[in-house]
Amino acid sequence: MQYIYSIVKADYLQRTRSYAFLITLAITIYVAYLFVPPVSASYTTLSATGFKSVYNSAWVGYISATMTAVMLSFSGFLLVNNSIKRDIDTEVGLIIAATPIANFSYLLAKQLSNFAVLCTIAVCTFAVSVLMFFLRGAGYPLVLAHFILPYLLFVLPAMFLVAALAVVAEVFLGKRSMLQFIIYFFLCGIVLSSLNTKSTAPPSGFFDPFGVSLVTGSIKNEINTRFHQHIDQVSFGFIFSKRKPFQLITWNGISWTALFIFSRLLWMSFAVALVYLSSFFFHRFDFKKAAGKKKKQPVVMPHDEGFAVIPAGISSAELPPVAFNYSIIPFIKTELLLIVRQGNKWWWLPSIGLSISMLFAPLPIASLYLLPALWFLQVTRLSELVTKEKTNRLHYFTYASYKPLQRMLPAQIIAGFLLAMALALPLVLRYAIVIDGLSIINLIIGALFMVSLAVCMGILSGGKKMFEVIFFLLTYTLLNRMPFADYPGSLPQHHNLVFTGVLSAIILALLLISFAARRYQARHL
């Protein structure tokens, strides 16, 4: 038990003291602020056609808890799914492998540290939800049970499951981080889509790890019973729509059942069972070469009368003359090759497929959904754009090279920009056909913003996790049509030069911070 506690404590302290955690925490607090929109807002987080609840304790507490469970399940996975990889990179795993700790105990400690990190963020959103009740409430009394119980029964079991899935994904998929993201998001999408189906049966929430169906079903039944309506579905998430007349209702929460509480225990037991099962397949930091790999043949030296002939050595006169090339072009070519060859070559098929599909899909769908999804698939490539030198411990050489700020860093930025524009070329061609020059400019600015954000976050944090989390949240909010996340300028209200100028100023600020931080790092190596 002492080994588990020591690993959990050390892992938790290391993560919570990182820039990635602090920035993720700040973004999550801001998103939690958006969970309870003002009455005059152009969006809502729960939509029941023609009806809207007053902001009492039950509505604010339950909606904040369910939104936290869903949002933090997505972004939290990206934040905590590198705990084993960190031990591999720092070679701490070799020390752990020599200790008597069992595989299950080690993986359980990693799950608990993941859970502790996610719970820290959840506690902050809990505090924000209580604060939003006082900001948005209209004289209704504060009932703490309407905040504590949903966070206890919705958020904590969901975070416990996410923490376990992050460990299982690392055990079975290893360094294939992009595959981990795709499979995890696909599973979450299936679960959420199944919860959002139309159903007339009373909700039980037994098969719902987030608790969404229990809340939406209770609100739907309340409206149908009290107002004699026939609403068969309640939408959940950031929903933008035109303001229409609505009728106020007073929703007082849900009635907890023993079956639902028992289901929370089953979900947590299922999470521990997954970790236990994965312990049988854990490599325990033993990365031996394949047995079938060819062995090196011993070098046989020629002999002359029983004596070995000593080679004459290398003559510097016979070597070709050294040719110096201070151009940035070779760096750009090298960076492009590193990006293209990163990972399995078959992973280019989804990206190429999405890129080609933008030629045939309706233009609004191509710009609002296909392009952000396509660029998000490059998140691992962009996140390692300026961090691979430090990850592979080559920064001692690159920082000491000839003019790294004038040659290497611009080459990395240009390479990332060329990748983004090459993938978005079908959309550029379609804009060119309809002579929409401003949309092309916005798309170019959006690609520059994405690359400059990856560069800035990578340089400041020294790792790729911060950018991956921020870029996921940015993509998720963009797919929900939130205007502040529309960096490609796809929404109609951003089809103007003011948006282009504001985003250009942000890009300039990100690049200035990046160059200043890299200059400091190069001088204080």
Protein backbone atom coordinates (compact mmCIF):
# COMPACT_ATOMS: atom_id res chain seq x y z
CA MET A 1 0.00 0.00 0.00
CA GLN A 2 2.88 2.37 0.70
CA TYR A 3 4.07 2.01 -2.88
CA ILE A 4 0.65 2.97 -4.23
CA TYR A 5 0.43 6.05 -2.01
CA SER A 6 3.94 7.19 -2.97
CA ILE A 7 3.26 6.83 -6.71
CA VAL A 8 -0.09 8.60 -6.46
CA LYS A 9 1.36 11.49 -4.46
CA ALA A 10 4.41 11.97 -6.69
CA ASP A 11 2.40 11.70 -9.92
CA TYR A 12 -0.29 14.08 -8.67
CA LEU A 13 2.18 16.73 -7.54
CA GLN A 14 4.11 16.53 -10.80
CA ARG A 15 1.00 17.03 -12.90
CA THR A 16 -0.65 19.76 -10.89
CA ARG A 17 2.55 21.80 -10.98
CA SER A 18 2.68 21.82 -14.78
CA TYR A 19 1.61 24.63 -17.08
CA ALA A 20 -0.68 22.27 -18.98
CA PHE A 21 -2.71 21.57 -15.85
CA LEU A 22 -2.98 25.23 -14.87
CA ILE A 23 -4.09 26.33 -18.33
CA THR A 24 -6.55 23.42 -18.58
CA LEU A 25 -7.91 24.39 -15.18
CA ALA A 26 -8.35 28.02 -16.25
CA ILE A 27 -10.13 27.01 -19.47
CA THR A 28 -12.35 24.56 -17.62
CA ILE A 29 -13.37 27.24 -15.11
CA TYR A 30 -14.30 29.55 -17.99
CA VAL A 31 -16.30 26.78 -19.68
CA ALA A 32 -18.03 26.07 -16.35
CA TYR A 33 -19.02 29.75 -16.32
CA LEU A 34 -20.68 29.18 -19.71
CA PHE A 35 -22.68 26.21 -18.41
CA VAL A 36 -25.23 28.63 -16.89
CA PRO A 37 -25.91 31.23 -19.62
CA PRO A 38 -27.73 34.49 -18.90
CA VAL A 39 -31.35 34.84 -19.96
CA SER A 40 -30.37 37.07 -22.90
CA ALA A 41 -27.72 34.64 -24.23
CA SER A 42 -27.98 33.27 -27.77
CA TYR A 43 -27.33 29.71 -26.60
CA THR A 44 -28.48 27.26 -24.01
CA THR A 45 -27.01 24.12 -22.47
CA LEU A 46 -30.30 22.22 -22.28
CA SER A 47 -33.14 22.68 -24.71
CA ALA A 48 -36.76 21.61 -24.21
CA THR A 49 -38.88 23.03 -27.02
CA GLY A 50 -40.94 25.96 -25.75
CA PHE A 51 -39.89 25.57 -22.12
CA LYS A 52 -37.17 26.86 -19.86
CA SER A 53 -36.59 26.39 -16.15
CA VAL A 54 -35.97 29.11 -13.62
CA TYR A 55 -32.44 29.25 -12.22
CA ASN A 56 -33.07 27.56 -8.91
CA SER A 57 -30.57 25.33 -7.07
CA ALA A 58 -31.72 22.16 -8.78
CA TRP A 59 -31.38 23.51 -12.32
CA VAL A 60 -27.99 25.16 -11.83
CA GLY A 61 -26.55 22.28 -9.80
CA TYR A 62 -27.70 19.40 -11.98
CA ILE A 63 -26.95 21.08 -15.32
CA SER A 64 -23.47 22.11 -14.17
CA ALA A 65 -22.74 18.60 -12.89
CA THR A 66 -23.86 16.84 -16.06
CA MET A 67 -22.02 19.30 -18.30
CA THR A 68 -18.89 18.85 -16.18
CA ALA A 69 -19.19 15.07 -16.40
CA VAL A 70 -19.42 15.18 -20.19
CA MET A 71 -16.91 17.93 -20.96
CA LEU A 72 -14.29 16.79 -18.47
CA SER A 73 -14.61 13.23 -19.73
CA PHE A 74 -13.39 14.40 -23.14
CA SER A 75 -10.75 16.94 -22.19
CA GLY A 76 -9.67 15.04 -19.08
CA PHE A 77 -8.70 11.98 -21.09
CA LEU A 78 -6.25 14.05 -23.12
CA LEU A 79 -4.84 15.53 -19.94
CA VAL A 80 -4.12 12.28 -18.06
CA ASN A 81 -3.44 9.67 -20.74
CA ASN A 82 0.36 10.01 -20.59
CA SER A 83 1.16 8.86 -17.04
CA ILE A 84 2.92 5.63 -18.07
CA LYS A 85 4.61 7.32 -21.02
CA ARG A 86 6.10 9.91 -18.68
CA ASP A 87 7.72 7.14 -16.63
CA ILE A 88 9.12 5.69 -19.84
CA ASP A 89 10.52 9.02 -21.06
CA THR A 90 12.08 9.89 -17.71
CA GLU A 91 13.32 6.29 -17.23
CA VAL A 92 11.65 6.18 -13.82
CA GLY A 93 9.90 3.07 -15.05
CA LEU A 94 13.18 1.15 -14.98
CA ILE A 95 13.43 1.85 -11.26
CA ILE A 96 9.79 0.90 -10.71
CA ALA A 97 10.30 -2.35 -12.64
CA ALA A 98 13.03 -3.33 -10.16
CA THR A 99 10.77 -2.79 -7.13
CA PRO A 100 8.48 -5.49 -5.68
CA ILE A 101 5.31 -3.58 -6.61
CA ALA A 102 2.88 -5.70 -8.63
CA ASN A 103 1.63 -4.67 -12.07
CA PHE A 104 -1.92 -4.21 -10.82
CA SER A 105 -0.78 -2.07 -7.89
CA TYR A 106 1.26 0.16 -10.21
CA LEU A 107 -1.58 0.57 -12.72
CA LEU A 108 -4.08 1.15 -9.91
CA ALA A 109 -1.82 3.90 -8.55
CA LYS A 110 -1.75 5.51 -12.00
CA GLN A 111 -5.54 5.33 -12.17
CA LEU A 112 -5.89 6.92 -8.75
CA SER A 113 -3.47 9.71 -9.65
CA ASN A 114 -5.46 10.35 -12.84
CA PHE A 115 -8.63 10.40 -10.76
CA ALA A 116 -7.12 12.85 -8.27
CA VAL A 117 -6.14 15.26 -11.05
CA LEU A 118 -9.61 15.13 -12.61
CA CYS A 119 -11.27 15.54 -9.21
CA THR A 120 -9.21 18.67 -8.58
CA ILE A 121 -10.66 20.23 -11.73
CA ALA A 122 -14.15 18.99 -10.83
CA VAL A 123 -13.93 20.64 -7.40
CA CYS A 124 -13.14 23.95 -9.09
CA THR A 125 -16.13 23.64 -11.43
CA PHE A 126 -18.26 22.81 -8.37
CA ALA A 127 -17.21 26.09 -6.77
CA VAL A 128 -17.95 27.95 -10.02
CA SER A 129 -21.42 26.38 -10.22
CA VAL A 130 -22.28 27.62 -6.71
CA LEU A 131 -21.01 31.07 -7.63
CA MET A 132 -23.10 31.05 -10.83
CA PHE A 133 -26.19 30.29 -8.78
CA PHE A 134 -25.73 33.56 -6.90
CA LEU A 135 -25.01 35.41 -10.16
CA ARG A 136 -27.87 33.95 -12.20
CA GLY A 137 -30.34 33.06 -9.43
CA ALA A 138 -33.48 35.10 -8.89
CA GLY A 139 -34.04 34.93 -5.14
CA TYR A 140 -34.31 31.18 -4.83
CA PRO A 141 -32.75 29.57 -1.73
CA LEU A 142 -29.44 27.75 -1.97
CA VAL A 143 -29.83 23.99 -1.46
CA LEU A 144 -26.34 22.49 -1.25
CA ALA A 145 -27.68 18.96 -1.76
CA HIS A 146 -28.65 19.94 -5.31
CA PHE A 147 -24.97 20.65 -5.98
CA ILE A 148 -23.21 18.01 -3.88
CA LEU A 149 -25.28 14.96 -4.87
CA PRO A 150 -25.07 15.34 -8.68
CA TYR A 151 -21.33 16.00 -8.49
CA LEU A 152 -20.94 13.02 -6.19
CA LEU A 153 -23.06 10.62 -8.27
CA PHE A 154 -22.50 11.98 -11.79
CA VAL A 155 -19.04 13.51 -11.96
CA LEU A 156 -16.94 11.34 -9.63
CA PRO A 157 -17.94 7.93 -11.11
CA ALA A 158 -17.46 9.30 -14.63
CA MET A 159 -13.99 10.62 -13.76
CA PHE A 160 -13.09 7.30 -12.11
CA LEU A 161 -13.99 5.51 -15.34
CA VAL A 162 -12.09 8.01 -17.49
CA ALA A 163 -9.01 7.61 -15.29
CA ALA A 164 -9.16 3.83 -15.77
CA LEU A 165 -9.68 4.07 -19.54
CA ALA A 166 -6.63 6.34 -19.83
CA VAL A 167 -4.49 3.66 -18.15
CA VAL A 168 -5.97 0.84 -20.24
CA ALA A 169 -5.41 2.80 -23.45
CA GLU A 170 -1.73 3.30 -22.60
CA VAL A 171 -1.25 -0.39 -21.79
CA PHE A 172 -2.78 -1.73 -24.99
CA LEU A 173 -2.01 1.06 -27.48
CA GLY A 174 1.30 2.34 -26.12
CA LYS A 175 2.66 5.29 -28.09
CA ARG A 176 -0.24 5.34 -30.57
CA SER A 177 -1.76 8.42 -28.96
CA MET A 178 -3.82 9.39 -31.99
CA LEU A 179 -5.41 5.93 -32.06
CA GLN A 180 -6.17 6.29 -28.36
CA PHE A 181 -7.97 9.58 -28.99
CA ILE A 182 -9.98 8.25 -31.93
CA ILE A 183 -11.14 5.08 -30.17
CA TYR A 184 -11.98 6.90 -26.95
CA PHE A 185 -13.90 9.71 -28.66
CA PHE A 186 -15.70 7.15 -30.82
CA LEU A 187 -16.83 5.21 -27.73
CA CYS A 188 -17.96 8.40 -25.97
CA GLY A 189 -19.82 9.47 -29.10
CA ILE A 190 -21.66 6.15 -29.23
CA VAL A 191 -22.63 6.43 -25.55
CA LEU A 192 -23.87 10.02 -25.89
CA SER A 193 -25.79 9.30 -29.11
CA SER A 194 -27.51 6.33 -27.48
CA LEU A 195 -28.50 8.53 -24.54
CA ASN A 196 -29.95 11.18 -26.84
CA THR A 197 -32.34 8.81 -28.62
CA LYS A 198 -36.07 9.29 -28.35
CA SER A 199 -37.64 7.07 -25.71
CA THR A 200 -40.94 6.96 -23.84
CA ALA A 201 -39.69 4.67 -21.07
CA PRO A 202 -38.92 6.23 -17.68
CA PRO A 203 -35.18 6.91 -17.32
CA SER A 204 -33.14 4.77 -14.97
CA GLY A 205 -29.61 5.95 -15.80
CA PHE A 206 -28.26 2.46 -15.17
CA PHE A 207 -26.26 2.29 -18.42
CA ASP A 208 -25.41 6.00 -18.43
CA PRO A 209 -21.93 6.76 -17.00
CA PHE A 210 -22.55 10.52 -17.21
CA GLY A 211 -26.05 10.75 -15.69
CA VAL A 212 -27.33 12.77 -18.66
CA SER A 213 -30.32 10.54 -19.42
CA LEU A 214 -31.56 10.74 -15.84
CA VAL A 215 -31.63 14.57 -15.90
CA THR A 216 -33.05 14.99 -19.41
CA GLY A 217 -35.63 12.25 -18.82
CA SER A 218 -36.76 13.82 -15.57
CA ILE A 219 -37.17 17.24 -17.20
CA LYS A 220 -39.05 15.70 -20.13
CA ASN A 221 -41.44 13.82 -17.84
CA GLU A 222 -41.97 16.94 -15.72
CA ILE A 223 -43.01 18.98 -18.76
CA ASN A 224 -45.21 16.25 -20.24
CA THR A 225 -46.97 15.59 -16.94
CA ARG A 226 -47.50 19.13 -15.71
CA PHE A 227 -48.26 20.84 -19.02
CA HIS A 228 -49.79 17.86 -20.88
CA GLN A 229 -47.22 17.99 -23.66
CA HIS A 230 -45.77 15.21 -25.81
CA ILE A 231 -42.08 16.15 -25.84
CA ASP A 232 -40.09 13.01 -26.62
CA GLN A 233 -36.55 14.43 -26.53
CA VAL A 234 -34.54 17.02 -24.58
CA SER A 235 -31.29 18.20 -26.23
CA PHE A 236 -28.15 18.58 -24.18
CA GLY A 237 -24.95 20.58 -24.85
CA PHE A 238 -24.10 24.03 -26.21
CA ILE A 239 -27.13 24.71 -28.43
CA PHE A 240 -27.38 27.88 -30.52
CA SER A 241 -30.78 28.87 -31.86
CA LYS A 242 -32.92 31.89 -32.50
CA ARG A 243 -34.67 33.23 -29.45
CA LYS A 244 -38.29 32.11 -29.33
CA PRO A 245 -41.05 32.62 -26.76
CA PHE A 246 -40.84 30.08 -23.97
CA GLN A 247 -42.74 29.10 -20.86
CA LEU A 248 -41.02 29.03 -17.49
CA ILE A 249 -41.09 25.89 -15.39
CA THR A 250 -39.78 25.14 -11.92
CA TRP A 251 -37.79 21.92 -11.90
CA ASN A 252 -36.82 20.66 -8.47
CA GLY A 253 -34.35 17.93 -9.35
CA ILE A 254 -34.62 14.15 -9.51
CA SER A 255 -35.50 11.46 -7.05
CA TRP A 256 -32.53 9.23 -6.37
CA THR A 257 -33.16 5.49 -6.53
CA ALA A 258 -31.21 2.62 -5.03
CA LEU A 259 -30.82 1.15 -8.53
CA PHE A 260 -29.08 4.25 -9.82
CA ILE A 261 -26.74 4.48 -6.82
CA PHE A 262 -25.93 0.79 -7.24
CA SER A 263 -25.15 1.43 -10.93
CA ARG A 264 -22.53 4.03 -9.91
CA LEU A 265 -20.79 1.38 -7.82
CA LEU A 266 -20.96 -1.04 -10.74
CA TRP A 267 -19.37 1.51 -13.11
CA MET A 268 -16.53 2.10 -10.65
CA SER A 269 -16.08 -1.65 -10.14
CA PHE A 270 -16.00 -2.06 -13.91
CA ALA A 271 -13.23 0.55 -14.09
CA VAL A 272 -11.12 -1.34 -11.53
CA ALA A 273 -11.77 -4.60 -13.38
CA LEU A 274 -10.47 -3.06 -16.61
CA VAL A 275 -7.27 -1.98 -14.87
CA TYR A 276 -6.87 -5.44 -13.33
CA LEU A 277 -7.33 -7.11 -16.72
CA SER A 278 -4.80 -4.80 -18.37
CA SER A 279 -2.22 -5.68 -15.68
CA PHE A 280 -1.81 -9.10 -17.31
CA PHE A 281 -0.72 -7.40 -20.55
CA PHE A 282 1.43 -4.65 -19.00
CA HIS A 283 4.97 -4.61 -20.39
CA ARG A 284 6.51 -3.53 -17.04
CA PHE A 285 9.01 -1.40 -18.96
CA ASP A 286 10.61 -4.44 -20.62
CA PHE A 287 11.23 -3.44 -24.24
CA LYS A 288 13.27 -6.35 -25.59
CA LYS A 289 13.99 -6.60 -29.26
CA ALA A 290 12.03 -9.09 -31.30
CA ALA A 291 13.44 -12.59 -31.20
CA GLY A 292 13.34 -12.92 -34.94
CA LYS A 293 15.49 -9.88 -35.56
CA LYS A 294 18.66 -10.64 -37.44
CA LYS A 295 21.78 -10.74 -35.35
CA LYS A 296 24.77 -8.73 -36.33
CA GLN A 297 27.50 -10.79 -37.91
CA PRO A 298 30.92 -10.51 -36.26
CA VAL A 299 33.48 -8.54 -38.21
CA VAL A 300 36.26 -10.84 -39.48
CA MET A 301 39.60 -9.13 -39.98
CA PRO A 302 41.93 -10.40 -42.69
CA HIS A 303 45.05 -12.20 -41.50
CA ASP A 304 48.52 -12.35 -42.91
CA GLU A 305 50.70 -15.14 -41.58
CA GLY A 306 48.72 -15.33 -38.35
CA PHE A 307 48.81 -11.58 -37.64
CA ALA A 308 45.84 -9.23 -38.01
CA VAL A 309 46.26 -6.50 -40.58
CA ILE A 310 45.80 -3.09 -38.98
CA PRO A 311 43.66 -0.75 -41.12
CA ALA A 312 45.48 2.29 -42.43
CA GLY A 313 42.93 4.78 -40.98
CA ILE A 314 41.06 7.65 -42.59
CA SER A 315 42.86 10.36 -44.46
CA SER A 316 41.27 13.80 -44.27
CA ALA A 317 42.67 14.60 -47.71
CA GLU A 318 40.51 11.91 -49.27
CA LEU A 319 37.28 13.29 -47.75
CA PRO A 320 35.09 15.64 -49.83
CA PRO A 321 35.35 19.31 -48.91
CA VAL A 322 32.90 20.67 -46.35
CA ALA A 323 30.11 22.68 -47.99
CA PHE A 324 28.27 25.17 -45.77
CA ASN A 325 24.59 25.92 -46.43
CA TYR A 326 22.94 28.55 -44.22
CA SER A 327 19.66 28.53 -46.15
CA ILE A 328 16.37 27.84 -44.38
CA ILE A 329 15.13 25.62 -47.22
CA PRO A 330 16.85 22.39 -46.02
CA PHE A 331 15.32 22.90 -42.58
CA ILE A 332 11.83 23.29 -44.05
CA LYS A 333 12.31 20.16 -46.15
CA THR A 334 13.54 18.20 -43.13
CA GLU A 335 10.66 19.37 -40.93
CA LEU A 336 8.13 18.44 -43.62
CA LEU A 337 9.66 14.98 -43.93
CA LEU A 338 9.52 14.52 -40.15
CA ILE A 339 5.86 15.51 -40.11
CA VAL A 340 4.87 13.31 -43.03
CA ARG A 341 6.77 10.27 -41.80
CA GLN A 342 5.58 10.54 -38.21
CA GLY A 343 3.60 7.52 -37.05
CA ASN A 344 2.11 4.80 -39.19
CA LYS A 345 1.69 5.75 -42.83
CA TRP A 346 -1.81 4.20 -42.88
CA TRP A 347 -3.01 6.94 -40.55
CA TRP A 348 -2.83 9.32 -43.49
CA LEU A 349 -5.85 7.59 -45.06
CA PRO A 350 -8.48 9.28 -42.79
CA SER A 351 -6.85 12.66 -43.34
CA ILE A 352 -6.71 12.24 -47.10
CA GLY A 353 -10.29 10.95 -47.12
CA LEU A 354 -11.55 13.98 -45.19
CA SER A 355 -9.57 16.32 -47.41
CA ILE A 356 -11.08 14.84 -50.58
CA SER A 357 -14.58 14.82 -49.09
CA MET A 358 -14.40 18.62 -48.75
CA LEU A 359 -14.60 18.76 -52.56
CA PHE A 360 -18.08 17.22 -52.60
CA ALA A 361 -19.71 18.11 -49.27
CA PRO A 362 -21.87 21.25 -49.02
CA LEU A 363 -19.66 24.27 -48.42
CA PRO A 364 -21.03 25.13 -44.93
CA ILE A 365 -20.53 21.53 -43.76
CA ALA A 366 -17.04 21.36 -45.26
CA SER A 367 -15.92 24.57 -43.55
CA LEU A 368 -17.72 24.16 -40.21
CA TYR A 369 -17.27 20.43 -39.57
CA LEU A 370 -14.95 18.63 -41.99
CA LEU A 371 -12.08 21.15 -41.86
CA PRO A 372 -11.89 21.36 -38.02
CA ALA A 373 -12.07 17.56 -37.79
CA LEU A 374 -9.34 17.23 -40.43
CA TRP A 375 -7.04 19.67 -38.68
CA PHE A 376 -7.70 18.00 -35.32
CA LEU A 377 -6.44 14.71 -36.74
CA GLN A 378 -3.04 16.40 -37.04
CA VAL A 379 -2.94 17.26 -33.34
CA THR A 380 -0.10 14.85 -32.52
CA ARG A 381 1.99 16.09 -35.46
CA LEU A 382 1.49 19.75 -34.59
CA SER A 383 2.00 19.20 -30.86
CA GLU A 384 5.47 17.75 -31.53
CA LEU A 385 6.43 20.49 -33.97
CA VAL A 386 8.73 22.29 -31.51
CA THR A 387 8.91 19.72 -28.69
CA LYS A 388 10.51 16.73 -30.43
CA GLU A 389 14.04 18.08 -29.87
CA LYS A 390 13.52 18.24 -26.12
CA THR A 391 11.69 14.91 -26.03
CA ASN A 392 14.58 13.20 -27.80
CA ARG A 393 17.17 15.25 -25.86
CA LEU A 394 18.56 16.93 -28.95
CA HIS A 395 17.89 20.47 -27.78
CA TYR A 396 21.46 20.70 -26.49
CA PHE A 397 22.60 20.62 -30.12
CA THR A 398 19.74 22.50 -31.79
CA TYR A 399 19.85 25.46 -29.38
CA ALA A 400 23.60 25.73 -29.95
CA SER A 401 23.31 25.60 -33.75
CA TYR A 402 23.85 28.54 -36.08
CA LYS A 403 21.01 31.08 -35.65
CA PRO A 404 18.28 28.73 -34.35
CA LEU A 405 15.79 31.59 -34.01
CA GLN A 406 16.27 32.75 -37.59
CA ARG A 407 16.42 29.32 -39.20
CA MET A 408 15.06 26.36 -37.23
CA LEU A 409 12.02 27.88 -35.50
CA PRO A 410 10.72 29.67 -38.64
CA ALA A 411 11.25 26.43 -40.59
CA GLN A 412 9.08 24.53 -38.10
CA ILE A 413 6.35 27.16 -38.32
CA ILE A 414 6.43 27.16 -42.11
CA ALA A 415 6.35 23.36 -42.26
CA GLY A 416 3.30 23.19 -39.99
CA PHE A 417 1.56 25.90 -42.02
CA LEU A 418 2.28 24.12 -45.32
CA LEU A 419 0.82 20.89 -43.89
CA ALA A 420 -2.38 22.64 -42.79
CA MET A 421 -2.82 24.42 -46.12
CA ALA A 422 -2.08 21.29 -48.15
CA LEU A 423 -4.86 19.44 -46.35
CA ALA A 424 -7.25 22.40 -46.74
CA LEU A 425 -6.44 22.85 -50.44
CA PRO A 426 -9.79 21.41 -51.68
CA LEU A 427 -11.67 24.00 -49.63
CA VAL A 428 -9.38 26.77 -50.91
CA LEU A 429 -10.15 25.71 -54.48
CA ARG A 430 -13.89 25.81 -53.82
CA TYR A 431 -13.62 29.31 -52.34
CA ALA A 432 -11.58 30.36 -55.36
CA ILE A 433 -14.24 29.04 -57.74
CA VAL A 434 -16.95 31.14 -56.09
CA ILE A 435 -14.50 34.10 -55.88
CA ASP A 436 -14.66 34.35 -52.09
CA GLY A 437 -11.29 35.90 -51.35
CA LEU A 438 -12.07 36.86 -47.75
CA SER A 439 -12.86 33.24 -46.85
CA ILE A 440 -9.52 32.17 -48.31
CA ILE A 441 -7.75 34.83 -46.24
CA ASN A 442 -9.62 33.71 -43.12
CA LEU A 443 -8.64 30.12 -43.80
CA ILE A 444 -4.98 31.09 -44.17
CA ILE A 445 -5.19 33.12 -40.95
CA GLY A 446 -6.84 30.15 -39.23
CA ALA A 447 -4.03 27.82 -40.29
CA LEU A 448 -1.45 30.31 -39.01
CA PHE A 449 -3.33 30.61 -35.72
CA MET A 450 -3.42 26.85 -35.26
CA VAL A 451 0.31 26.47 -35.94
CA SER A 452 1.32 29.48 -33.85
CA LEU A 453 -0.79 28.18 -30.96
CA ALA A 454 0.95 24.79 -31.20
CA VAL A 455 4.36 26.46 -31.29
CA CYS A 456 3.64 28.81 -28.39
CA MET A 457 2.11 26.13 -26.15
CA GLY A 458 4.89 23.68 -26.98
CA ILE A 459 7.69 26.14 -26.19
CA LEU A 460 6.10 27.42 -22.97
CA SER A 461 5.20 24.00 -21.55
CA GLY A 462 8.08 21.97 -22.97
CA GLY A 463 5.62 19.20 -23.89
CA LYS A 464 2.72 18.48 -26.17
CA LYS A 465 -0.08 17.84 -23.65
CA MET A 466 -1.06 21.49 -23.18
CA PHE A 467 -1.69 22.08 -26.86
CA GLU A 468 -3.57 18.80 -27.26
CA VAL A 469 -6.02 19.69 -24.50
CA ILE A 470 -6.51 23.30 -25.61
CA PHE A 471 -6.88 22.35 -29.26
CA PHE A 472 -9.45 19.68 -28.41
CA LEU A 473 -11.53 22.17 -26.39
CA LEU A 474 -11.21 24.67 -29.23
CA THR A 475 -12.33 22.10 -31.81
CA TYR A 476 -15.19 20.86 -29.63
CA THR A 477 -16.58 24.35 -29.07
CA LEU A 478 -16.15 25.16 -32.76
CA LEU A 479 -18.14 22.08 -33.76
CA ASN A 480 -20.85 23.38 -31.40
CA ARG A 481 -20.81 26.64 -33.39
CA MET A 482 -19.58 28.84 -30.56
CA PRO A 483 -18.37 32.12 -32.13
CA PHE A 484 -15.33 32.70 -29.90
CA ALA A 485 -13.78 29.39 -31.11
CA ASP A 486 -14.21 30.05 -34.83
CA TYR A 487 -10.54 30.41 -35.72
CA PRO A 488 -11.01 29.37 -39.41
CA GLY A 489 -13.63 32.12 -39.84
CA SER A 490 -16.33 29.71 -41.00
CA LEU A 491 -19.32 31.33 -39.30
CA PRO A 492 -21.17 34.03 -41.28
CA GLN A 493 -20.74 36.70 -38.57
CA HIS A 494 -16.95 36.41 -38.94
CA HIS A 495 -16.95 37.11 -42.66
CA ASN A 496 -15.44 40.58 -42.22
CA LEU A 497 -12.08 42.30 -41.96
CA VAL A 498 -12.51 43.07 -38.26
CA PHE A 499 -12.35 39.37 -37.38
CA THR A 500 -9.35 38.92 -39.66
CA GLY A 501 -7.52 41.81 -38.00
CA VAL A 502 -8.24 40.61 -34.44
CA LEU A 503 -7.08 37.07 -35.19
CA SER A 504 -3.96 38.42 -36.94
CA ALA A 505 -3.11 40.40 -33.80
CA ILE A 506 -3.49 37.26 -31.68
CA ILE A 507 -1.21 35.34 -34.05
CA LEU A 508 1.41 38.08 -33.86
CA ALA A 509 1.27 38.01 -30.05
CA LEU A 510 1.65 34.21 -29.99
CA LEU A 511 4.65 34.33 -32.32
CA LEU A 512 6.34 37.12 -30.33
CA ILE A 513 5.91 35.10 -27.13
CA SER A 514 7.25 31.99 -28.88
CA PHE A 515 10.39 33.68 -30.19
CA ALA A 516 11.05 35.43 -26.87
CA ALA A 517 10.64 32.20 -24.89
CA ARG A 518 12.80 30.19 -27.30
CA ARG A 519 15.49 32.88 -27.18
CA TYR A 520 15.51 32.69 -23.39
CA GLN A 521 15.71 28.89 -23.49
CA ALA A 522 18.59 28.95 -25.97
CA ARG A 523 20.58 31.37 -23.81
CA HIS A 524 19.87 29.60 -20.51
CA LEU A 525 20.33 26.00 -21.57
